Each structure stands twice: as C-alpha cells, then as structure tokens.
C-alpha atoms as a PDB file:
ATOM      1  CA  HIS A   1       0.000   0.000   0.000  1.00  0.00           C
ATOM      2  CA  GLU A   2       2.994   2.275   0.433  1.00  0.00           C
ATOM      3  CA  MET A   3       3.171   2.831  -3.318  1.00  0.00           C
ATOM      4  CA  GLY A   4      -0.569   3.231  -3.725  1.00  0.00           C
ATOM      5  CA  ILE A   5      -0.981  -0.118  -5.468  1.00  0.00           C
ATOM      6  CA  ASP A   6      -3.859  -2.296  -4.355  1.00  0.00           C
ATOM      7  CA  VAL A   7      -2.634  -5.854  -3.668  1.00  0.00           C
ATOM      8  CA  LYS A   8      -5.530  -7.089  -5.806  1.00  0.00           C
ATOM      9  CA  ASN A   9      -3.660  -5.587  -8.792  1.00  0.00           C
ATOM     10  CA  VAL A  10      -0.476  -7.525  -8.040  1.00  0.00           C
ATOM     11  CA  MET A  11       0.715 -10.875  -9.362  1.00  0.00           C
ATOM     12  CA  VAL A  12       3.115 -12.851  -7.193  1.00  0.00           C
ATOM     13  CA  ILE A  13       5.010 -16.052  -7.906  1.00  0.00           C
ATOM     14  CA  GLY A  14       6.237 -18.370  -5.199  1.00  0.00           C
ATOM     15  CA  ASP A  15       7.396 -21.856  -4.352  1.00  0.00           C
ATOM     16  CA  GLY A  16       8.144 -22.090  -0.651  1.00  0.00           C
ATOM     17  CA  GLU A  17       5.902 -22.478   2.351  1.00  0.00           C
ATOM     18  CA  ASN A  18       6.947 -18.940   3.314  1.00  0.00           C
ATOM     19  CA  ASP A  19       5.204 -17.704   0.123  1.00  0.00           C
ATOM     20  CA  TYR A  20       1.802 -19.025   1.238  1.00  0.00           C
ATOM     21  CA  GLU A  21       0.472 -15.767   2.762  1.00  0.00           C
ATOM     22  CA  MET A  22       1.769 -13.682  -0.132  1.00  0.00           C
ATOM     23  CA  ILE A  23       0.053 -15.941  -2.663  1.00  0.00           C
ATOM     24  CA  LYS A  24      -3.221 -15.838  -0.709  1.00  0.00           C
ATOM     25  CA  LEU A  25      -3.227 -12.031  -0.479  1.00  0.00           C
ATOM     26  CA  ALA A  26      -2.261 -11.121  -4.036  1.00  0.00           C
ATOM     27  CA  GLY A  27      -4.744 -10.489  -6.790  1.00  0.00           C
ATOM     28  CA  LEU A  28      -3.128 -13.328  -8.726  1.00  0.00           C
ATOM     29  CA  GLY A  29      -1.081 -15.845  -6.784  1.00  0.00           C
ATOM     30  CA  VAL A  30       0.983 -18.169  -8.948  1.00  0.00           C
ATOM     31  CA  ALA A  31       2.938 -21.194  -7.752  1.00  0.00           C
ATOM     32  CA  VAL A  32       5.507 -23.152  -9.699  1.00  0.00           C
ATOM     33  CA  SER A  33       4.749 -26.856 -10.079  1.00  0.00           C
ATOM     34  CA  ASN A  34       7.476 -27.896  -7.643  1.00  0.00           C
ATOM     35  CA  ALA A  35       6.180 -25.542  -4.922  1.00  0.00           C
ATOM     36  CA  HIS A  36       5.347 -26.609  -1.384  1.00  0.00           C
ATOM     37  CA  PRO A  37       1.938 -28.391  -1.440  1.00  0.00           C
ATOM     38  CA  LYS A  38       0.353 -25.801   0.878  1.00  0.00           C
ATOM     39  CA  THR A  39       1.546 -22.985  -1.390  1.00  0.00           C
ATOM     40  CA  LYS A  40       0.292 -24.725  -4.530  1.00  0.00           C
ATOM     41  CA  ALA A  41      -3.102 -25.255  -2.908  1.00  0.00           C
ATOM     42  CA  ALA A  42      -3.404 -21.519  -2.163  1.00  0.00           C
ATOM     43  CA  ALA A  43      -2.397 -20.457  -5.684  1.00  0.00           C
ATOM     44  CA  ASP A  44      -4.796 -19.179  -8.324  1.00  0.00           C
ATOM     45  CA  ALA A  45      -2.613 -20.748 -11.004  1.00  0.00           C
ATOM     46  CA  VAL A  46       0.215 -23.269 -11.216  1.00  0.00           C
ATOM     47  CA  VAL A  47       2.887 -23.043 -13.914  1.00  0.00           C
ATOM     48  CA  SER A  48       5.904 -25.176 -14.834  1.00  0.00           C
ATOM     49  CA  SER A  49       8.626 -25.735 -12.239  1.00  0.00           C
ATOM     50  CA  ASN A  50      11.307 -23.155 -11.590  1.00  0.00           C
ATOM     51  CA  ASN A  51      13.719 -25.483 -13.431  1.00  0.00           C
ATOM     52  CA  GLU A  52      11.422 -25.409 -16.470  1.00  0.00           C
ATOM     53  CA  HIS A  53      11.178 -21.591 -16.662  1.00  0.00           C
ATOM     54  CA  GLY A  54       7.927 -21.401 -14.707  1.00  0.00           C
ATOM     55  CA  VAL A  55       8.486 -17.779 -13.706  1.00  0.00           C
ATOM     56  CA  ALA A  56       8.947 -16.739 -17.343  1.00  0.00           C
ATOM     57  CA  GLU A  57       5.840 -18.736 -18.236  1.00  0.00           C
ATOM     58  CA  ALA A  58       3.799 -16.905 -15.590  1.00  0.00           C
ATOM     59  CA  VAL A  59       5.041 -13.491 -16.697  1.00  0.00           C
ATOM     60  CA  GLU A  60       4.302 -14.240 -20.364  1.00  0.00           C
ATOM     61  CA  LYS A  61       0.906 -15.752 -19.607  1.00  0.00           C
ATOM     62  CA  TYR A  62      -0.420 -13.320 -17.008  1.00  0.00           C
ATOM     63  CA  ALA A  63       1.643 -10.107 -16.918  1.00  0.00           C
ATOM     64  CA  LEU A  64       2.646  -9.211 -20.462  1.00  0.00           C
ATOM     65  CA  PRO A  65       0.095  -7.723 -22.845  1.00  0.00           C
ATOM     66  CA  LYS A  66      -1.306 -10.179 -25.332  1.00  0.00           C
ATOM     67  CA  GLU A  67       0.139  -9.797 -28.822  1.00  0.00           C
ATOM     68  CA  GLU A  68      -2.368  -9.310 -31.561  1.00  0.00           C
ATOM     69  CA  LYS A  69      -2.125 -11.911 -34.259  1.00  0.00           C
ATOM     70  CA  PRO A  70      -1.334 -10.352 -37.632  1.00  0.00           C
ATOM     71  CA  ALA A  71      -4.111 -10.474 -40.193  1.00  0.00           C
ATOM     72  CA  LYS A  72      -3.731 -13.135 -42.842  1.00  0.00           C
ATOM     73  CA  ALA A  73      -2.060 -11.887 -45.978  1.00  0.00           C
ATOM     74  CA  GLU A  74      -4.435 -11.576 -48.902  1.00  0.00           C
ATOM     75  CA  THR A  75      -1.753 -12.383 -51.448  1.00  0.00           C
ATOM     76  CA  PRO A  76      -0.444 -15.927 -51.735  1.00  0.00           C
ATOM     77  CA  ALA A  77       2.988 -16.650 -50.323  1.00  0.00           C
ATOM     78  CA  LYS A  78       5.854 -16.288 -52.758  1.00  0.00           C
ATOM     79  CA  ASP A  79       7.107 -19.410 -54.430  1.00  0.00           C
ATOM     80  CA  THR A  80      10.560 -19.698 -52.884  1.00  0.00           C
ATOM     81  CA  ALA A  81      11.851 -21.939 -55.664  1.00  0.00           C
ATOM     82  CA  SER A  82      11.019 -19.446 -58.417  1.00  0.00           C
ATOM     83  CA  THR A  83      12.322 -16.583 -56.259  1.00  0.00           C
ATOM     84  CA  SER A  84      15.632 -18.416 -55.819  1.00  0.00           C
ATOM     85  CA  GLU A  85      15.800 -19.099 -59.552  1.00  0.00           C
ATOM     86  CA  ALA A  86      15.160 -15.421 -60.321  1.00  0.00           C
ATOM     87  CA  LYS A  87      17.907 -14.326 -57.929  1.00  0.00           C
ATOM     88  CA  ALA A  88      20.332 -16.829 -59.445  1.00  0.00           C
ATOM     89  CA  SER A  89      19.446 -15.590 -62.927  1.00  0.00           C
ATOM     90  CA  GLU A  90      20.009 -11.950 -61.880  1.00  0.00           C
ATOM     91  CA  SER A  91      23.331 -12.905 -60.353  1.00  0.00           C
ATOM     92  CA  GLU A  92      24.429 -14.630 -63.574  1.00  0.00           C
ATOM     93  CA  GLU A  93      23.417 -11.572 -65.617  1.00  0.00           C
ATOM     94  CA  LYS A  94      25.502  -9.294 -63.392  1.00  0.00           C
ATOM     95  CA  GLU A  95      28.512 -11.600 -63.751  1.00  0.00           C
ATOM     96  CA  ASP A  96      28.098 -11.553 -67.552  1.00  0.00           C
ATOM     97  CA  GLU A  97      28.102  -7.734 -67.387  1.00  0.00           C
ATOM     98  CA  GLY A  98      31.272  -7.781 -65.308  1.00  0.00           C
ATOM     99  CA  GLY A  99      29.507  -6.937 -62.015  1.00  0.00           C
ATOM    100  CA  ALA A 100      29.712  -8.833 -58.757  1.00  0.00           C
END
C-alpha cells in the first residue's frame, strides 16, 4: 500500500511455504509446479517448475500484454523456388556484365 498499489492488482510467484500468505493475499497468486503443497493449494494458477522456466511462463501468460495476431495476408505466399531461380538468374546476368 505504500506505493498506492492495491494488492488485488499484483501478481506474485512463489514456491516455498513462506510464500503461502503472499500468494493468498495477491490479486493473482501463482505457484511453480514444484512448490510446497500448501503454497500450490493456495495459488490461483500453477505453472511449470522453476527449473522449467515457470516464472517466465507466468510473466508471459499473465503479466505481459497479449500480442495481436497479424491479419492473414491476402496475397499468396511467394514461391521460394522461383524466387531463388530469379535471384540466381540476376546474379548470372551481373557476372556476364562484369559486375559482382
């Protein structure tokens, strides 16, 4: 409360029994999968273990803004084979002209 932030607007991540109260009080209490059973039971969400990047998972899933998916392109994808052939042909033409 010192900073004027309501604890209901806070996400916390914990694993130990000492994190139990913190997880209960926070707006979103997250425990890693290898957390103390009491702490996991109090959590709103459980993510991968700390050894499997559980903290990063929680931040990505709950704290970062969701990325908007780009709209599908209306034009078909380029044919990479013909694009490669065109580049090779251009390269050969430059060599014939004395370019690099």
